[in-house]
Amino acid sequence: MTTKELLYIEDALGHEKYFQTRCKETASQLQDPELRNQVESLSQRHSQIFKNFYGLL
C-alpha cells in the first residue's frame, strides 16, 4: 500500500470512531426516548462499520 492509501484508511477509521463517539455523547443528552434510541442505533452502526472496515485490513 502506498502512503496515501494508508492515510486514507487512517482517516476513514478515525471518522467512524468520531461519529460513534459523537452519537453516544448526543444520545446521552437527549430527553426523547425514541430519538435517543435512533441516535444510539447510529452509534452502533458506526461501531459496526469501524469493525468491518478494520477487519478487512
PDB file of N, CA and C in Angstrom:
ATOM      1  N   MET A   1       0.829  -1.185   0.000  1.00  0.00           N
ATOM      2  CA  MET A   1       0.000   0.000   0.000  1.00  0.00           C
ATOM      3  C   MET A   1       0.869   1.243   0.000  1.00  0.00           C
ATOM      4  N   THR A   2       0.354   2.241  -0.651  1.00  0.00           N
ATOM      5  CA  THR A   2       1.092   3.497  -0.679  1.00  0.00           C
ATOM      6  C   THR A   2       0.805   4.287   0.601  1.00  0.00           C
ATOM      7  N   THR A   3       1.624   5.274   0.830  1.00  0.00           N
ATOM      8  CA  THR A   3       1.443   6.144   1.985  1.00  0.00           C
ATOM      9  C   THR A   3       0.091   6.846   1.915  1.00  0.00           C
ATOM     10  N   LYS A   4      -0.286   7.280   0.727  1.00  0.00           N
ATOM     11  CA  LYS A   4      -1.554   7.975   0.547  1.00  0.00           C
ATOM     12  C   LYS A   4      -2.730   7.048   0.873  1.00  0.00           C
ATOM     13  N   GLU A   5      -2.655   5.804   0.452  1.00  0.00           N
ATOM     14  CA  GLU A   5      -3.716   4.841   0.749  1.00  0.00           C
ATOM     15  C   GLU A   5      -3.825   4.574   2.249  1.00  0.00           C
ATOM     16  N   LEU A   6      -2.690   4.454   2.902  1.00  0.00           N
ATOM     17  CA  LEU A   6      -2.693   4.233   4.345  1.00  0.00           C
ATOM     18  C   LEU A   6      -3.284   5.428   5.094  1.00  0.00           C
ATOM     19  N   LEU A   7      -2.977   6.623   4.623  1.00  0.00           N
ATOM     20  CA  LEU A   7      -3.548   7.826   5.234  1.00  0.00           C
ATOM     21  C   LEU A   7      -5.065   7.872   5.045  1.00  0.00           C
ATOM     22  N   TYR A   8      -5.530   7.444   3.869  1.00  0.00           N
ATOM     23  CA  TYR A   8      -6.968   7.408   3.622  1.00  0.00           C
ATOM     24  C   TYR A   8      -7.644   6.434   4.585  1.00  0.00           C
ATOM     25  N   ILE A   9      -7.060   5.273   4.768  1.00  0.00           N
ATOM     26  CA  ILE A   9      -7.624   4.273   5.685  1.00  0.00           C
ATOM     27  C   ILE A   9      -7.634   4.803   7.111  1.00  0.00           C
ATOM     28  N   GLU A  10      -6.551   5.425   7.510  1.00  0.00           N
ATOM     29  CA  GLU A  10      -6.473   6.004   8.852  1.00  0.00           C
ATOM     30  C   GLU A  10      -7.560   7.065   9.052  1.00  0.00           C
ATOM     31  N   ASP A  11      -7.760   7.904   8.051  1.00  0.00           N
ATOM     32  CA  ASP A  11      -8.805   8.932   8.125  1.00  0.00           C
ATOM     33  C   ASP A  11     -10.198   8.308   8.213  1.00  0.00           C
ATOM     34  N   ALA A  12     -10.447   7.300   7.390  1.00  0.00           N
ATOM     35  CA  ALA A  12     -11.762   6.655   7.380  1.00  0.00           C
ATOM     36  C   ALA A  12     -12.062   6.009   8.733  1.00  0.00           C
ATOM     37  N   LEU A  13     -11.085   5.323   9.305  1.00  0.00           N
ATOM     38  CA  LEU A  13     -11.275   4.716  10.617  1.00  0.00           C
ATOM     39  C   LEU A  13     -11.493   5.788  11.688  1.00  0.00           C
ATOM     40  N   GLY A  14     -10.733   6.847  11.598  1.00  0.00           N
ATOM     41  CA  GLY A  14     -10.882   7.947  12.548  1.00  0.00           C
ATOM     42  C   GLY A  14     -12.254   8.598  12.471  1.00  0.00           C
ATOM     43  N   HIS A  15     -12.764   8.752  11.262  1.00  0.00           N
ATOM     44  CA  HIS A  15     -14.089   9.347  11.091  1.00  0.00           C
ATOM     45  C   HIS A  15     -15.165   8.458  11.704  1.00  0.00           C
ATOM     46  N   GLU A  16     -15.077   7.170  11.474  1.00  0.00           N
ATOM     47  CA  GLU A  16     -16.074   6.264  12.043  1.00  0.00           C
ATOM     48  C   GLU A  16     -16.025   6.284  13.566  1.00  0.00           C
ATOM     49  N   LYS A  17     -14.828   6.307  14.131  1.00  0.00           N
ATOM     50  CA  LYS A  17     -14.683   6.365  15.586  1.00  0.00           C
ATOM     51  C   LYS A  17     -15.254   7.677  16.120  1.00  0.00           C
ATOM     52  N   TYR A  18     -14.987   8.774  15.420  1.00  0.00           N
ATOM     53  CA  TYR A  18     -15.502  10.084  15.812  1.00  0.00           C
ATOM     54  C   TYR A  18     -17.032  10.091  15.795  1.00  0.00           C
ATOM     55  N   PHE A  19     -17.630   9.585  14.700  1.00  0.00           N
ATOM     56  CA  PHE A  19     -19.085   9.566  14.597  1.00  0.00           C
ATOM     57  C   PHE A  19     -19.704   8.712  15.700  1.00  0.00           C
ATOM     58  N   GLN A  20     -19.075   7.598  16.002  1.00  0.00           N
ATOM     59  CA  GLN A  20     -19.562   6.727  17.064  1.00  0.00           C
ATOM     60  C   GLN A  20     -19.556   7.469  18.407  1.00  0.00           C
ATOM     61  N   THR A  21     -18.454   8.126  18.705  1.00  0.00           N
ATOM     62  CA  THR A  21     -18.326   8.868  19.963  1.00  0.00           C
ATOM     63  C   THR A  21     -19.339   9.998  20.048  1.00  0.00           C
ATOM     64  N   ARG A  22     -19.475  10.760  18.979  1.00  0.00           N
ATOM     65  CA  ARG A  22     -20.417  11.891  18.979  1.00  0.00           C
ATOM     66  C   ARG A  22     -21.854  11.401  19.141  1.00  0.00           C
ATOM     67  N   CYS A  23     -22.202  10.295  18.510  1.00  0.00           N
ATOM     68  CA  CYS A  23     -23.557   9.762  18.649  1.00  0.00           C
ATOM     69  C   CYS A  23     -23.819   9.319  20.086  1.00  0.00           C
ATOM     70  N   LYS A  24     -22.842   8.678  20.710  1.00  0.00           N
ATOM     71  CA  LYS A  24     -23.000   8.254  22.103  1.00  0.00           C
ATOM     72  C   LYS A  24     -23.208   9.465  23.007  1.00  0.00           C
ATOM     73  N   GLU A  25     -22.383  10.485  22.818  1.00  0.00           N
ATOM     74  CA  GLU A  25     -22.491  11.696  23.637  1.00  0.00           C
ATOM     75  C   GLU A  25     -23.836  12.381  23.429  1.00  0.00           C
ATOM     76  N   THR A  26     -24.257  12.468  22.189  1.00  0.00           N
ATOM     77  CA  THR A  26     -25.529  13.123  21.881  1.00  0.00           C
ATOM     78  C   THR A  26     -26.694  12.336  22.464  1.00  0.00           C
ATOM     79  N   ALA A  27     -26.671  11.010  22.319  1.00  0.00           N
ATOM     80  CA  ALA A  27     -27.754  10.172  22.838  1.00  0.00           C
ATOM     81  C   ALA A  27     -27.905  10.335  24.345  1.00  0.00           C
ATOM     82  N   SER A  28     -26.799  10.470  25.039  1.00  0.00           N
ATOM     83  CA  SER A  28     -26.865  10.596  26.496  1.00  0.00           C
ATOM     84  C   SER A  28     -27.502  11.912  26.938  1.00  0.00           C
ATOM     85  N   GLN A  29     -27.574  12.877  26.035  1.00  0.00           N
ATOM     86  CA  GLN A  29     -28.131  14.185  26.369  1.00  0.00           C
ATOM     87  C   GLN A  29     -29.579  14.361  25.919  1.00  0.00           C
ATOM     88  N   LEU A  30     -30.086  13.394  25.172  1.00  0.00           N
ATOM     89  CA  LEU A  30     -31.442  13.525  24.632  1.00  0.00           C
ATOM     90  C   LEU A  30     -32.496  13.107  25.654  1.00  0.00           C
ATOM     91  N   GLN A  31     -33.592  13.835  25.683  1.00  0.00           N
ATOM     92  CA  GLN A  31     -34.708  13.541  26.573  1.00  0.00           C
ATOM     93  C   GLN A  31     -35.710  12.583  25.923  1.00  0.00           C
ATOM     94  N   ASP A  32     -35.940  12.748  24.638  1.00  0.00           N
ATOM     95  CA  ASP A  32     -36.919  11.945  23.900  1.00  0.00           C
ATOM     96  C   ASP A  32     -36.396  10.520  23.723  1.00  0.00           C
ATOM     97  N   PRO A  33     -37.073   9.527  24.293  1.00  0.00           N
ATOM     98  CA  PRO A  33     -36.581   8.152  24.220  1.00  0.00           C
ATOM     99  C   PRO A  33     -36.503   7.606  22.790  1.00  0.00           C
ATOM    100  N   GLU A  34     -37.451   7.974  21.955  1.00  0.00           N
ATOM    101  CA  GLU A  34     -37.444   7.488  20.577  1.00  0.00           C
ATOM    102  C   GLU A  34     -36.250   8.051  19.804  1.00  0.00           C
ATOM    103  N   LEU A  35     -36.012   9.321  19.971  1.00  0.00           N
ATOM    104  CA  LEU A  35     -34.878   9.970  19.309  1.00  0.00           C
ATOM    105  C   LEU A  35     -33.561   9.423  19.863  1.00  0.00           C
ATOM    106  N   ARG A  36     -33.510   9.223  21.192  1.00  0.00           N
ATOM    107  CA  ARG A  36     -32.310   8.664  21.818  1.00  0.00           C
ATOM    108  C   ARG A  36     -32.004   7.275  21.249  1.00  0.00           C
ATOM    109  N   ASN A  37     -33.049   6.457  21.078  1.00  0.00           N
ATOM    110  CA  ASN A  37     -32.859   5.122  20.505  1.00  0.00           C
ATOM    111  C   ASN A  37     -32.318   5.190  19.074  1.00  0.00           C
ATOM    112  N   GLN A  38     -32.815   6.145  18.305  1.00  0.00           N
ATOM    113  CA  GLN A  38     -32.338   6.302  16.925  1.00  0.00           C
ATOM    114  C   GLN A  38     -30.858   6.685  16.894  1.00  0.00           C
ATOM    115  N   VAL A  39     -30.472   7.603  17.754  1.00  0.00           N
ATOM    116  CA  VAL A  39     -29.076   8.056  17.787  1.00  0.00           C
ATOM    117  C   VAL A  39     -28.171   6.947  18.325  1.00  0.00           C
ATOM    118  N   GLU A  40     -28.650   6.190  19.308  1.00  0.00           N
ATOM    119  CA  GLU A  40     -27.876   5.051  19.801  1.00  0.00           C
ATOM    120  C   GLU A  40     -27.698   4.005  18.710  1.00  0.00           C
ATOM    121  N   SER A  41     -28.724   3.834  17.901  1.00  0.00           N
ATOM    122  CA  SER A  41     -28.641   2.915  16.765  1.00  0.00           C
ATOM    123  C   SER A  41     -27.575   3.382  15.768  1.00  0.00           C
ATOM    124  N   LEU A  42     -27.519   4.682  15.543  1.00  0.00           N
ATOM    125  CA  LEU A  42     -26.477   5.230  14.663  1.00  0.00           C
ATOM    126  C   LEU A  42     -25.084   4.965  15.235  1.00  0.00           C
ATOM    127  N   SER A  43     -24.953   5.105  16.541  1.00  0.00           N
ATOM    128  CA  SER A  43     -23.676   4.848  17.191  1.00  0.00           C
ATOM    129  C   SER A  43     -23.250   3.399  16.988  1.00  0.00           C
ATOM    130  N   GLN A  44     -24.192   2.492  17.166  1.00  0.00           N
ATOM    131  CA  GLN A  44     -23.891   1.070  16.967  1.00  0.00           C
ATOM    132  C   GLN A  44     -23.542   0.782  15.517  1.00  0.00           C
ATOM    133  N   ARG A  45     -24.223   1.445  14.607  1.00  0.00           N
ATOM    134  CA  ARG A  45     -23.949   1.258  13.171  1.00  0.00           C
ATOM    135  C   ARG A  45     -22.530   1.718  12.837  1.00  0.00           C
ATOM    136  N   HIS A  46     -22.127   2.863  13.358  1.00  0.00           N
ATOM    137  CA  HIS A  46     -20.774   3.352  13.097  1.00  0.00           C
ATOM    138  C   HIS A  46     -19.732   2.432  13.739  1.00  0.00           C
ATOM    139  N   SER A  47     -20.057   1.871  14.878  1.00  0.00           N
ATOM    140  CA  SER A  47     -19.163   0.906  15.527  1.00  0.00           C
ATOM    141  C   SER A  47     -18.996  -0.324  14.646  1.00  0.00           C
ATOM    142  N   GLN A  48     -20.093  -0.792  14.069  1.00  0.00           N
ATOM    143  CA  GLN A  48     -20.039  -1.975  13.204  1.00  0.00           C
ATOM    144  C   GLN A  48     -19.258  -1.679  11.925  1.00  0.00           C
ATOM    145  N   ILE A  49     -19.466  -0.512  11.361  1.00  0.00           N
ATOM    146  CA  ILE A  49     -18.720  -0.129  10.154  1.00  0.00           C
ATOM    147  C   ILE A  49     -17.231  -0.102  10.462  1.00  0.00           C
ATOM    148  N   PHE A  50     -16.862   0.475  11.621  1.00  0.00           N
ATOM    149  CA  PHE A  50     -15.460   0.520  12.023  1.00  0.00           C
ATOM    150  C   PHE A  50     -14.891  -0.895  12.119  1.00  0.00           C
ATOM    151  N   LYS A  51     -15.609  -1.783  12.799  1.00  0.00           N
ATOM    152  CA  LYS A  51     -15.139  -3.159  12.977  1.00  0.00           C
ATOM    153  C   LYS A  51     -14.998  -3.885  11.639  1.00  0.00           C
ATOM    154  N   ASN A  52     -15.981  -3.702  10.764  1.00  0.00           N
ATOM    155  CA  ASN A  52     -15.921  -4.341   9.450  1.00  0.00           C
ATOM    156  C   ASN A  52     -14.751  -3.830   8.621  1.00  0.00           C
ATOM    157  N   PHE A  53     -14.583  -2.524   8.629  1.00  0.00           N
ATOM    158  CA  PHE A  53     -13.505  -1.913   7.860  1.00  0.00           C
ATOM    159  C   PHE A  53     -12.142  -2.339   8.411  1.00  0.00           C
ATOM    160  N   TYR A  54     -12.021  -2.319   9.738  1.00  0.00           N
ATOM    161  CA  TYR A  54     -10.779  -2.726  10.372  1.00  0.00           C
ATOM    162  C   TYR A  54     -10.491  -4.198  10.106  1.00  0.00           C
ATOM    163  N   GLY A  55     -11.544  -5.001  10.076  1.00  0.00           N
ATOM    164  CA  GLY A  55     -11.399  -6.429   9.802  1.00  0.00           C
ATOM    165  C   GLY A  55     -10.870  -6.719   8.407  1.00  0.00           C
ATOM    166  N   LEU A  56     -11.134  -5.837   7.481  1.00  0.00           N
ATOM    167  CA  LEU A  56     -10.636  -6.020   6.123  1.00  0.00           C
ATOM    168  C   LEU A  56      -9.110  -5.849   6.040  1.00  0.00           C
ATOM    169  N   LEU A  57      -8.568  -5.139   7.009  1.00  0.00           N
ATOM    170  CA  LEU A  57      -7.134  -4.896   6.993  1.00  0.00           C
ATOM    171  C   LEU A  57      -6.420  -6.121   7.497  1.00  0.00           C
TER     172      LEU A  57
END
